């Protein structure tokens, strides 16, 4: 392979699998994983609102089965649930959908043939793949024509409070800082990535969720609890206690609430796209309109003024 075309390795996938395995075995995992559960509920709401039945679906990065629990059987009749972590697959809740189709796979290398699934969902999992454009292309390929992809990933402003506090503390204590929080996608790029992968009828929007914690230490513990610790390949695994204390103090000073708690912001990017199909509805060609809004009694100039 030409080295100029090689995909840079940013994340340590083995480390991410171990982190998720450890998180799944924690007694407080459900509490720590409440954000993923809420996003699964919102995503399933969107799927359930589509006036269509998907016969065969895939939940990619299924965690402990949040999507399968929330999506109606009438919306997705059969669902394969796949995750890189064996621990997650072994710790499904009692109310989760259990079709027996749980598969341990790496999201970077899908094993299914093209045109297999009617719908693919992915909830807060794809921000850990090294080749996001390639992963989206694989997802498009395994969808049948007019199949739906709907997913969420963390956006670039996620945990900006923690990131800034750690950088300030390390710069003060060490004269420089190491990346302590993994890089996330920029919302401006997500639509282009979906289009590049071959999806059509795209929808991309943002949801910002703020969770208040007793202190910055609970923020960091929650990240470990949900399996979202830093998995960058060149991460530094140690950090001095004095640096952590300084970061906590900076966090509290810059972002603390009046009641003593601290906010943690999670930017969630929602993505939706359809695999092209000859019978799919497409936007009209630019300039093909045969009527004017003036014919409807609307003044274009007044409309523009109202918009401004």
C-alpha atoms as a PDB file:
ATOM      1  CA  UNK A   1       0.000   0.000   0.000  1.00  0.00           C
ATOM      2  CA  UNK A   2       1.205   3.501  -0.814  1.00  0.00           C
ATOM      3  CA  UNK A   3       2.189   5.162   2.449  1.00  0.00           C
ATOM      4  CA  UNK A   4       0.598   8.428   1.325  1.00  0.00           C
ATOM      5  CA  UNK A   5      -2.802   6.684   1.304  1.00  0.00           C
ATOM      6  CA  UNK A   6      -2.372   4.987   4.669  1.00  0.00           C
ATOM      7  CA  UNK A   7      -4.855   5.947   7.389  1.00  0.00           C
ATOM      8  CA  UNK A   8      -3.056   7.392  10.438  1.00  0.00           C
ATOM      9  CA  UNK A   9      -3.536   5.388  13.613  1.00  0.00           C
ATOM     10  CA  UNK A  10      -4.821   7.766  16.272  1.00  0.00           C
ATOM     11  CA  UNK A  11      -6.554   5.421  18.717  1.00  0.00           C
ATOM     12  CA  UNK A  12      -5.389   2.281  20.494  1.00  0.00           C
ATOM     13  CA  UNK A  13      -8.252  -0.097  19.733  1.00  0.00           C
ATOM     14  CA  UNK A  14      -7.004  -2.773  22.121  1.00  0.00           C
ATOM     15  CA  UNK A  15      -6.911  -0.246  24.955  1.00  0.00           C
ATOM     16  CA  UNK A  16     -10.447   0.865  24.113  1.00  0.00           C
ATOM     17  CA  UNK A  17     -11.675  -2.728  24.196  1.00  0.00           C
ATOM     18  CA  UNK A  18     -10.076  -3.256  27.620  1.00  0.00           C
ATOM     19  CA  UNK A  19     -11.547   0.002  28.931  1.00  0.00           C
ATOM     20  CA  UNK A  20     -15.034  -1.010  27.823  1.00  0.00           C
ATOM     21  CA  UNK A  21     -14.625  -4.507  29.228  1.00  0.00           C
ATOM     22  CA  UNK A  22     -13.654  -3.082  32.632  1.00  0.00           C
ATOM     23  CA  UNK A  23     -16.506  -0.568  32.567  1.00  0.00           C
ATOM     24  CA  UNK A  24     -19.084  -3.260  31.782  1.00  0.00           C
ATOM     25  CA  UNK A  25     -18.067  -5.207  34.912  1.00  0.00           C
ATOM     26  CA  UNK A  26     -18.491  -2.221  37.240  1.00  0.00           C
ATOM     27  CA  UNK A  27     -21.420  -2.329  39.633  1.00  0.00           C
ATOM     28  CA  UNK A  28     -22.191   1.352  38.906  1.00  0.00           C
ATOM     29  CA  UNK A  29     -22.000   1.063  35.106  1.00  0.00           C
ATOM     30  CA  UNK A  30     -25.696   1.855  34.538  1.00  0.00           C
ATOM     31  CA  UNK A  31     -25.340   5.070  36.521  1.00  0.00           C
ATOM     32  CA  UNK A  32     -22.183   6.130  34.691  1.00  0.00           C
ATOM     33  CA  UNK A  33     -23.664   5.205  31.308  1.00  0.00           C
ATOM     34  CA  UNK A  34     -26.820   7.329  31.677  1.00  0.00           C
ATOM     35  CA  UNK A  35     -25.777   9.708  28.873  1.00  0.00           C
ATOM     36  CA  UNK A  36     -25.491   6.878  26.338  1.00  0.00           C
ATOM     37  CA  UNK A  37     -28.855   5.542  27.520  1.00  0.00           C
ATOM     38  CA  UNK A  38     -30.483   8.951  27.009  1.00  0.00           C
ATOM     39  CA  UNK A  39     -29.010   9.322  23.511  1.00  0.00           C
ATOM     40  CA  UNK A  40     -30.233   5.795  22.674  1.00  0.00           C
ATOM     41  CA  UNK A  41     -33.732   6.822  23.716  1.00  0.00           C
ATOM     42  CA  UNK A  42     -33.595   9.933  21.508  1.00  0.00           C
ATOM     43  CA  UNK A  43     -32.231   7.984  18.554  1.00  0.00           C
ATOM     44  CA  UNK A  44     -34.821   5.240  18.895  1.00  0.00           C
ATOM     45  CA  UNK A  45     -37.509   7.937  18.969  1.00  0.00           C
ATOM     46  CA  UNK A  46     -36.354   9.059  15.528  1.00  0.00           C
ATOM     47  CA  UNK A  47     -36.361   5.500  14.220  1.00  0.00           C
ATOM     48  CA  UNK A  48     -39.806   4.766  15.653  1.00  0.00           C
ATOM     49  CA  UNK A  49     -41.203   7.922  14.013  1.00  0.00           C
ATOM     50  CA  UNK A  50     -40.245   6.725  10.512  1.00  0.00           C
ATOM     51  CA  UNK A  51     -43.343   5.283   8.819  1.00  0.00           C
ATOM     52  CA  UNK A  52     -41.555   2.162   7.706  1.00  0.00           C
ATOM     53  CA  UNK A  53     -40.697  -1.302   8.982  1.00  0.00           C
ATOM     54  CA  UNK A  54     -37.037  -2.330   8.800  1.00  0.00           C
ATOM     55  CA  UNK A  55     -36.824  -6.114   8.616  1.00  0.00           C
ATOM     56  CA  UNK A  56     -33.144  -6.581   9.477  1.00  0.00           C
ATOM     57  CA  UNK A  57     -31.022  -4.121  11.435  1.00  0.00           C
ATOM     58  CA  UNK A  58     -27.543  -3.743  12.906  1.00  0.00           C
ATOM     59  CA  UNK A  59     -26.676  -1.843  16.077  1.00  0.00           C
ATOM     60  CA  UNK A  60     -22.969  -1.081  15.736  1.00  0.00           C
ATOM     61  CA  UNK A  61     -21.217  -0.431  19.045  1.00  0.00           C
ATOM     62  CA  UNK A  62     -24.294  -1.612  20.910  1.00  0.00           C
ATOM     63  CA  UNK A  63     -22.840  -1.304  24.434  1.00  0.00           C
ATOM     64  CA  UNK A  64     -25.241  -3.187  26.742  1.00  0.00           C
ATOM     65  CA  UNK A  65     -28.203  -3.074  24.365  1.00  0.00           C
ATOM     66  CA  UNK A  66     -29.641   0.434  24.817  1.00  0.00           C
ATOM     67  CA  UNK A  67     -30.877   0.811  21.245  1.00  0.00           C
ATOM     68  CA  UNK A  68     -32.387  -2.659  21.088  1.00  0.00           C
ATOM     69  CA  UNK A  69     -34.238  -1.934  24.317  1.00  0.00           C
ATOM     70  CA  UNK A  70     -35.769   1.316  23.027  1.00  0.00           C
ATOM     71  CA  UNK A  71     -36.530   0.613  19.350  1.00  0.00           C
ATOM     72  CA  UNK A  72     -39.984  -0.879  18.789  1.00  0.00           C
ATOM     73  CA  UNK A  73     -40.166  -4.397  17.362  1.00  0.00           C
ATOM     74  CA  UNK A  74     -42.575  -3.023  14.755  1.00  0.00           C
ATOM     75  CA  UNK A  75     -39.888  -0.587  13.582  1.00  0.00           C
ATOM     76  CA  UNK A  76     -36.937  -3.008  13.469  1.00  0.00           C
ATOM     77  CA  UNK A  77     -38.063  -6.621  13.529  1.00  0.00           C
ATOM     78  CA  UNK A  78     -34.685  -8.386  13.878  1.00  0.00           C
ATOM     79  CA  UNK A  79     -31.538  -6.660  15.134  1.00  0.00           C
ATOM     80  CA  UNK A  80     -27.931  -7.839  15.197  1.00  0.00           C
ATOM     81  CA  UNK A  81     -26.125  -6.238  18.172  1.00  0.00           C
ATOM     82  CA  UNK A  82     -22.370  -5.859  17.731  1.00  0.00           C
ATOM     83  CA  UNK A  83     -19.625  -4.391  19.902  1.00  0.00           C
ATOM     84  CA  UNK A  84     -15.841  -4.519  20.209  1.00  0.00           C
ATOM     85  CA  UNK A  85     -16.227  -5.402  23.899  1.00  0.00           C
ATOM     86  CA  UNK A  86     -17.145  -8.910  24.996  1.00  0.00           C
ATOM     87  CA  UNK A  87     -17.890  -7.527  28.444  1.00  0.00           C
ATOM     88  CA  UNK A  88     -20.600  -5.238  27.076  1.00  0.00           C
ATOM     89  CA  UNK A  89     -22.223  -8.078  25.140  1.00  0.00           C
ATOM     90  CA  UNK A  90     -22.258 -10.251  28.275  1.00  0.00           C
ATOM     91  CA  UNK A  91     -23.925  -7.599  30.467  1.00  0.00           C
ATOM     92  CA  UNK A  92     -27.175  -6.843  28.659  1.00  0.00           C
ATOM     93  CA  UNK A  93     -29.994  -5.739  30.951  1.00  0.00           C
ATOM     94  CA  UNK A  94     -33.029  -7.904  31.606  1.00  0.00           C
ATOM     95  CA  UNK A  95     -35.279  -5.636  29.506  1.00  0.00           C
ATOM     96  CA  UNK A  96     -32.940  -5.488  26.504  1.00  0.00           C
ATOM     97  CA  UNK A  97     -33.839  -7.131  23.241  1.00  0.00           C
ATOM     98  CA  UNK A  98     -32.278 -10.595  23.132  1.00  0.00           C
ATOM     99  CA  UNK A  99     -32.549 -12.210  19.718  1.00  0.00           C
ATOM    100  CA  UNK A 100     -29.373 -14.214  20.324  1.00  0.00           C
ATOM    101  CA  UNK A 101     -27.645 -12.200  17.592  1.00  0.00           C
ATOM    102  CA  UNK A 102     -24.819 -10.665  19.628  1.00  0.00           C
ATOM    103  CA  UNK A 103     -21.505 -10.439  17.799  1.00  0.00           C
ATOM    104  CA  UNK A 104     -18.087  -9.238  18.937  1.00  0.00           C
ATOM    105  CA  UNK A 105     -16.538  -7.321  16.046  1.00  0.00           C
ATOM    106  CA  UNK A 106     -14.326  -4.311  15.466  1.00  0.00           C
ATOM    107  CA  UNK A 107     -16.274  -1.354  14.063  1.00  0.00           C
ATOM    108  CA  UNK A 108     -13.323  -0.670  11.760  1.00  0.00           C
ATOM    109  CA  UNK A 109     -13.744  -3.980   9.905  1.00  0.00           C
ATOM    110  CA  UNK A 110     -17.336  -5.057   9.289  1.00  0.00           C
ATOM    111  CA  UNK A 111     -17.581  -8.769   8.373  1.00  0.00           C
ATOM    112  CA  UNK A 112     -20.919  -8.644   6.517  1.00  0.00           C
ATOM    113  CA  UNK A 113     -21.560  -8.698   2.801  1.00  0.00           C
ATOM    114  CA  UNK A 114     -22.851  -5.696   0.900  1.00  0.00           C
ATOM    115  CA  UNK A 115     -26.629  -5.127   0.879  1.00  0.00           C
ATOM    116  CA  UNK A 116     -27.271  -7.026   4.114  1.00  0.00           C
ATOM    117  CA  UNK A 117     -29.111  -4.654   6.481  1.00  0.00           C
ATOM    118  CA  UNK A 118     -32.140  -2.412   6.107  1.00  0.00           C
ATOM    119  CA  UNK A 119     -30.952  -0.103   8.892  1.00  0.00           C
ATOM    120  CA  UNK A 120     -27.707   0.482  10.802  1.00  0.00           C
ATOM    121  CA  UNK A 121     -27.644   2.382  14.094  1.00  0.00           C
ATOM    122  CA  UNK A 122     -24.582   3.439  16.083  1.00  0.00           C
ATOM    123  CA  UNK A 123     -24.787   5.257  19.398  1.00  0.00           C
ATOM    124  CA  UNK A 124     -21.647   7.030  20.715  1.00  0.00           C
ATOM    125  CA  UNK A 125     -19.203   4.459  19.334  1.00  0.00           C
ATOM    126  CA  UNK A 126     -17.735   5.691  16.046  1.00  0.00           C
ATOM    127  CA  UNK A 127     -15.685   8.524  17.600  1.00  0.00           C
ATOM    128  CA  UNK A 128     -13.152   5.831  18.566  1.00  0.00           C
ATOM    129  CA  UNK A 129     -12.461   4.508  15.041  1.00  0.00           C
ATOM    130  CA  UNK A 130      -9.239   5.546  13.317  1.00  0.00           C
ATOM    131  CA  UNK A 131     -10.795   5.825   9.846  1.00  0.00           C
ATOM    132  CA  UNK A 132     -14.218   7.437  10.229  1.00  0.00           C
ATOM    133  CA  UNK A 133     -14.685   8.003   6.461  1.00  0.00           C
ATOM    134  CA  UNK A 134     -13.822   4.343   5.858  1.00  0.00           C
ATOM    135  CA  UNK A 135     -16.185   3.173   8.613  1.00  0.00           C
ATOM    136  CA  UNK A 136     -19.048   5.221   7.163  1.00  0.00           C
ATOM    137  CA  UNK A 137     -18.329   3.797   3.711  1.00  0.00           C
ATOM    138  CA  UNK A 138     -18.457   0.247   5.111  1.00  0.00           C
ATOM    139  CA  UNK A 139     -21.770   1.039   6.798  1.00  0.00           C
ATOM    140  CA  UNK A 140     -23.176   2.351   3.515  1.00  0.00           C
ATOM    141  CA  UNK A 141     -21.993  -0.790   1.728  1.00  0.00           C
ATOM    142  CA  UNK A 142     -23.681  -3.238   4.133  1.00  0.00           C
ATOM    143  CA  UNK A 143     -26.987  -1.355   3.793  1.00  0.00           C
ATOM    144  CA  UNK A 144     -29.496  -2.368   1.153  1.00  0.00           C
ATOM    145  CA  UNK A 145     -30.465   0.327  -1.393  1.00  0.00           C
ATOM    146  CA  UNK A 146     -32.661   2.906   0.362  1.00  0.00           C
ATOM    147  CA  UNK A 147     -31.360   1.616   3.704  1.00  0.00           C
ATOM    148  CA  UNK A 148     -30.977   4.003   6.635  1.00  0.00           C
ATOM    149  CA  UNK A 149     -27.967   4.909   8.768  1.00  0.00           C
ATOM    150  CA  UNK A 150     -28.605   6.831  11.959  1.00  0.00           C
ATOM    151  CA  UNK A 151     -25.894   7.467  14.527  1.00  0.00           C
ATOM    152  CA  UNK A 152     -24.429   9.711  17.205  1.00  0.00           C
ATOM    153  CA  UNK A 153     -20.842  10.628  18.010  1.00  0.00           C
ATOM    154  CA  UNK A 154     -19.223  13.055  20.416  1.00  0.00           C
ATOM    155  CA  UNK A 155     -18.392  16.434  18.887  1.00  0.00           C
ATOM    156  CA  UNK A 156     -15.300  18.591  19.220  1.00  0.00           C
ATOM    157  CA  UNK A 157     -16.588  20.756  22.093  1.00  0.00           C
ATOM    158  CA  UNK A 158     -17.182  17.759  24.344  1.00  0.00           C
ATOM    159  CA  UNK A 159     -15.646  18.174  27.816  1.00  0.00           C
ATOM    160  CA  UNK A 160     -14.049  21.512  26.948  1.00  0.00           C
ATOM    161  CA  UNK A 161     -14.104  22.413  30.668  1.00  0.00           C
ATOM    162  CA  UNK A 162     -11.995  19.405  31.623  1.00  0.00           C
ATOM    163  CA  UNK A 163      -9.688  19.790  28.624  1.00  0.00           C
ATOM    164  CA  UNK A 164      -8.910  23.456  29.354  1.00  0.00           C
ATOM    165  CA  UNK A 165      -8.400  22.821  33.082  1.00  0.00           C
ATOM    166  CA  UNK A 166      -5.942  19.977  32.466  1.00  0.00           C
ATOM    167  CA  UNK A 167      -4.012  21.987  29.888  1.00  0.00           C
ATOM    168  CA  UNK A 168      -3.684  24.961  32.229  1.00  0.00           C
ATOM    169  CA  UNK A 169      -2.574  22.777  35.131  1.00  0.00           C
ATOM    170  CA  UNK A 170       0.016  20.866  33.103  1.00  0.00           C
ATOM    171  CA  UNK A 171       1.379  24.023  31.509  1.00  0.00           C
ATOM    172  CA  UNK A 172       1.825  25.563  34.950  1.00  0.00           C
ATOM    173  CA  UNK A 173       3.341  22.459  36.554  1.00  0.00           C
ATOM    174  CA  UNK A 174       5.260  20.916  33.618  1.00  0.00           C
ATOM    175  CA  UNK A 175       5.845  23.759  31.179  1.00  0.00           C
ATOM    176  CA  UNK A 176       3.690  22.040  28.546  1.00  0.00           C
ATOM    177  CA  UNK A 177       0.747  19.660  28.229  1.00  0.00           C
ATOM    178  CA  UNK A 178      -0.034  16.237  26.806  1.00  0.00           C
ATOM    179  CA  UNK A 179      -3.406  15.420  25.191  1.00  0.00           C
ATOM    180  CA  UNK A 180      -5.490  13.985  28.033  1.00  0.00           C
ATOM    181  CA  UNK A 181      -8.793  13.886  26.191  1.00  0.00           C
ATOM    182  CA  UNK A 182      -9.166  12.138  22.843  1.00  0.00           C
ATOM    183  CA  UNK A 183      -9.847  14.255  19.740  1.00  0.00           C
ATOM    184  CA  UNK A 184     -13.440  14.335  18.514  1.00  0.00           C
ATOM    185  CA  UNK A 185     -15.071  15.085  15.165  1.00  0.00           C
ATOM    186  CA  UNK A 186     -16.080  18.590  14.129  1.00  0.00           C
ATOM    187  CA  UNK A 187     -19.771  18.978  13.334  1.00  0.00           C
ATOM    188  CA  UNK A 188     -18.901  20.949  10.175  1.00  0.00           C
ATOM    189  CA  UNK A 189     -17.133  17.878   8.782  1.00  0.00           C
ATOM    190  CA  UNK A 190     -19.822  15.268   9.513  1.00  0.00           C
ATOM    191  CA  UNK A 191     -22.112  16.175   6.621  1.00  0.00           C
ATOM    192  CA  UNK A 192     -19.165  16.136   4.226  1.00  0.00           C
ATOM    193  CA  UNK A 193     -18.064  12.739   5.570  1.00  0.00           C
ATOM    194  CA  UNK A 194     -21.538  11.251   5.060  1.00  0.00           C
ATOM    195  CA  UNK A 195     -21.666  12.668   1.542  1.00  0.00           C
ATOM    196  CA  UNK A 196     -18.169  11.379   0.787  1.00  0.00           C
ATOM    197  CA  UNK A 197     -19.220   7.905   1.978  1.00  0.00           C
ATOM    198  CA  UNK A 198     -22.064   7.943  -0.550  1.00  0.00           C
ATOM    199  CA  UNK A 199     -25.096   8.732   1.607  1.00  0.00           C
ATOM    200  CA  UNK A 200     -27.915  10.965   0.438  1.00  0.00           C
ATOM    201  CA  UNK A 201     -30.836  12.872   2.033  1.00  0.00           C
ATOM    202  CA  UNK A 202     -28.546  13.864   4.887  1.00  0.00           C
ATOM    203  CA  UNK A 203     -29.474  15.306   8.274  1.00  0.00           C
ATOM    204  CA  UNK A 204     -26.848  16.480  10.785  1.00  0.00           C
ATOM    205  CA  UNK A 205     -27.673  18.319  13.999  1.00  0.00           C
ATOM    206  CA  UNK A 206     -26.187  18.946  17.436  1.00  0.00           C
ATOM    207  CA  UNK A 207     -27.385  18.272  20.944  1.00  0.00           C
ATOM    208  CA  UNK A 208     -25.465  19.755  23.882  1.00  0.00           C
ATOM    209  CA  UNK A 209     -25.978  17.979  27.183  1.00  0.00           C
ATOM    210  CA  UNK A 210     -24.671  19.435  30.447  1.00  0.00           C
ATOM    211  CA  UNK A 211     -24.347  17.197  33.485  1.00  0.00           C
ATOM    212  CA  UNK A 212     -23.547  18.695  36.876  1.00  0.00           C
ATOM    213  CA  UNK A 213     -21.133  16.796  39.139  1.00  0.00           C
ATOM    214  CA  UNK A 214     -20.182  17.328  42.807  1.00  0.00           C
ATOM    215  CA  UNK A 215     -16.558  18.004  41.774  1.00  0.00           C
ATOM    216  CA  UNK A 216     -14.149  17.543  38.837  1.00  0.00           C
ATOM    217  CA  UNK A 217     -13.034  14.233  40.332  1.00  0.00           C
ATOM    218  CA  UNK A 218     -16.499  12.758  39.726  1.00  0.00           C
ATOM    219  CA  UNK A 219     -16.297  13.888  36.082  1.00  0.00           C
ATOM    220  CA  UNK A 220     -13.111  11.886  35.559  1.00  0.00           C
ATOM    221  CA  UNK A 221     -14.494   8.897  37.457  1.00  0.00           C
ATOM    222  CA  UNK A 222     -17.660   8.939  35.351  1.00  0.00           C
ATOM    223  CA  UNK A 223     -15.583   8.829  32.171  1.00  0.00           C
ATOM    224  CA  UNK A 224     -13.804   5.712  33.415  1.00  0.00           C
ATOM    225  CA  UNK A 225     -17.143   4.271  34.512  1.00  0.00           C
ATOM    226  CA  UNK A 226     -18.671   4.541  31.042  1.00  0.00           C
ATOM    227  CA  UNK A 227     -15.535   3.290  29.258  1.00  0.00           C
ATOM    228  CA  UNK A 228     -14.751   6.707  27.749  1.00  0.00           C
ATOM    229  CA  UNK A 229     -11.235   7.212  29.087  1.00  0.00           C
ATOM    230  CA  UNK A 230      -8.565   8.521  26.721  1.00  0.00           C
ATOM    231  CA  UNK A 231      -7.530   5.883  24.173  1.00  0.00           C
ATOM    232  CA  UNK A 232      -5.171   7.944  22.030  1.00  0.00           C
ATOM    233  CA  UNK A 233      -2.229   5.867  20.866  1.00  0.00           C
ATOM    234  CA  UNK A 234       0.311   8.373  22.228  1.00  0.00           C
ATOM    235  CA  UNK A 235      -1.510   9.135  25.452  1.00  0.00           C
ATOM    236  CA  UNK A 236       0.463   9.474  28.675  1.00  0.00           C
ATOM    237  CA  UNK A 237      -0.931   7.054  31.218  1.00  0.00           C
ATOM    238  CA  UNK A 238       0.392   8.841  34.308  1.00  0.00           C
ATOM    239  CA  UNK A 239      -0.282  12.293  35.697  1.00  0.00           C
ATOM    240  CA  UNK A 240       0.973  13.705  38.976  1.00  0.00           C
ATOM    241  CA  UNK A 241      -1.359  14.209  41.912  1.00  0.00           C
ATOM    242  CA  UNK A 242      -0.297  17.846  42.128  1.00  0.00           C
ATOM    243  CA  UNK A 243      -1.356  18.338  38.498  1.00  0.00           C
ATOM    244  CA  UNK A 244      -4.720  16.696  39.091  1.00  0.00           C
ATOM    245  CA  UNK A 245      -5.298  18.878  42.162  1.00  0.00           C
ATOM    246  CA  UNK A 246      -4.349  21.999  40.193  1.00  0.00           C
ATOM    247  CA  UNK A 247      -6.662  21.001  37.338  1.00  0.00           C
ATOM    248  CA  UNK A 248      -9.537  20.455  39.774  1.00  0.00           C
ATOM    249  CA  UNK A 249      -8.941  23.871  41.313  1.00  0.00           C
ATOM    250  CA  UNK A 250      -8.850  25.535  37.884  1.00  0.00           C
ATOM    251  CA  UNK A 251     -12.013  23.672  36.841  1.00  0.00           C
ATOM    252  CA  UNK A 252     -13.844  24.842  39.963  1.00  0.00           C
ATOM    253  CA  UNK A 253     -12.642  28.443  39.601  1.00  0.00           C
ATOM    254  CA  UNK A 254     -13.400  28.866  35.894  1.00  0.00           C
ATOM    255  CA  UNK A 255     -16.567  26.801  35.496  1.00  0.00           C
ATOM    256  CA  UNK A 256     -17.958  26.028  38.965  1.00  0.00           C
ATOM    257  CA  UNK A 257     -21.640  26.608  39.759  1.00  0.00           C
ATOM    258  CA  UNK A 258     -22.844  28.702  42.680  1.00  0.00           C
ATOM    259  CA  UNK A 259     -23.857  25.586  44.619  1.00  0.00           C
ATOM    260  CA  UNK A 260     -20.304  24.179  44.418  1.00  0.00           C
ATOM    261  CA  UNK A 261     -20.998  21.663  41.661  1.00  0.00           C
ATOM    262  CA  UNK A 262     -19.246  21.734  38.275  1.00  0.00           C
ATOM    263  CA  UNK A 263     -20.732  21.309  34.778  1.00  0.00           C
ATOM    264  CA  UNK A 264     -19.456  18.897  32.140  1.00  0.00           C
ATOM    265  CA  UNK A 265     -20.594  19.587  28.583  1.00  0.00           C
ATOM    266  CA  UNK A 266     -21.096  16.760  26.108  1.00  0.00           C
ATOM    267  CA  UNK A 267     -21.637  17.802  22.494  1.00  0.00           C
ATOM    268  CA  UNK A 268     -23.479  15.024  20.660  1.00  0.00           C
ATOM    269  CA  UNK A 269     -23.658  15.062  16.865  1.00  0.00           C
ATOM    270  CA  UNK A 270     -26.680  13.290  15.351  1.00  0.00           C
ATOM    271  CA  UNK A 271     -26.175  11.948  11.828  1.00  0.00           C
ATOM    272  CA  UNK A 272     -28.721  10.475   9.424  1.00  0.00           C
ATOM    273  CA  UNK A 273     -28.281   9.365   5.842  1.00  0.00           C
ATOM    274  CA  UNK A 274     -29.861   7.003   3.315  1.00  0.00           C
ATOM    275  CA  UNK A 275     -28.147   4.710   0.846  1.00  0.00           C
ATOM    276  CA  UNK A 276     -28.987   5.852  -2.700  1.00  0.00           C
ATOM    277  CA  UNK A 277     -31.688   4.023  -4.631  1.00  0.00           C
ATOM    278  CA  UNK A 278     -33.120   4.653  -8.122  1.00  0.00           C
ATOM    279  CA  UNK A 279     -36.658   4.989  -6.711  1.00  0.00           C
ATOM    280  CA  UNK A 280     -35.608   7.327  -3.902  1.00  0.00           C
ATOM    281  CA  UNK A 281     -37.096  10.811  -3.714  1.00  0.00           C
ATOM    282  CA  UNK A 282     -34.481  13.383  -4.729  1.00  0.00           C
ATOM    283  CA  UNK A 283     -34.449  17.200  -4.577  1.00  0.00           C
ATOM    284  CA  UNK A 284     -35.642  18.976  -7.706  1.00  0.00           C
ATOM    285  CA  UNK A 285     -32.949  20.218 -10.053  1.00  0.00           C
ATOM    286  CA  UNK A 286     -31.926  23.811  -9.367  1.00  0.00           C
ATOM    287  CA  UNK A 287     -33.809  26.200 -11.675  1.00  0.00           C
ATOM    288  CA  UNK A 288     -36.478  23.628 -12.584  1.00  0.00           C
ATOM    289  CA  UNK A 289     -39.327  25.417 -10.759  1.00  0.00           C
ATOM    290  CA  UNK A 290     -42.260  26.413 -12.995  1.00  0.00           C
ATOM    291  CA  UNK A 291     -43.975  28.737 -10.505  1.00  0.00           C
ATOM    292  CA  UNK A 292     -42.956  31.834  -8.603  1.00  0.00           C
ATOM    293  CA  UNK A 293     -43.721  32.756  -5.005  1.00  0.00           C
ATOM    294  CA  UNK A 294     -45.114  35.985  -6.462  1.00  0.00           C
ATOM    295  CA  UNK A 295     -47.932  33.861  -7.900  1.00  0.00           C
ATOM    296  CA  UNK A 296     -48.808  32.972  -4.302  1.00  0.00           C
ATOM    297  CA  UNK A 297     -49.221  36.619  -3.356  1.00  0.00           C
ATOM    298  CA  UNK A 298     -45.958  36.746  -1.377  1.00  0.00           C
ATOM    299  CA  UNK A 299     -43.588  39.717  -1.627  1.00  0.00           C
ATOM    300  CA  UNK A 300     -40.002  38.278  -1.882  1.00  0.00           C
ATOM    301  CA  UNK A 301     -38.429  41.497  -0.582  1.00  0.00           C
ATOM    302  CA  UNK A 302     -40.657  41.519   2.504  1.00  0.00           C
ATOM    303  CA  UNK A 303     -39.871  37.847   3.100  1.00  0.00           C
ATOM    304  CA  UNK A 304     -36.118  38.502   3.039  1.00  0.00           C
ATOM    305  CA  UNK A 305     -36.492  41.422   5.456  1.00  0.00           C
ATOM    306  CA  UNK A 306     -38.396  39.196   7.886  1.00  0.00           C
ATOM    307  CA  UNK A 307     -35.677  36.566   7.728  1.00  0.00           C
ATOM    308  CA  UNK A 308     -32.990  39.133   8.492  1.00  0.00           C
END
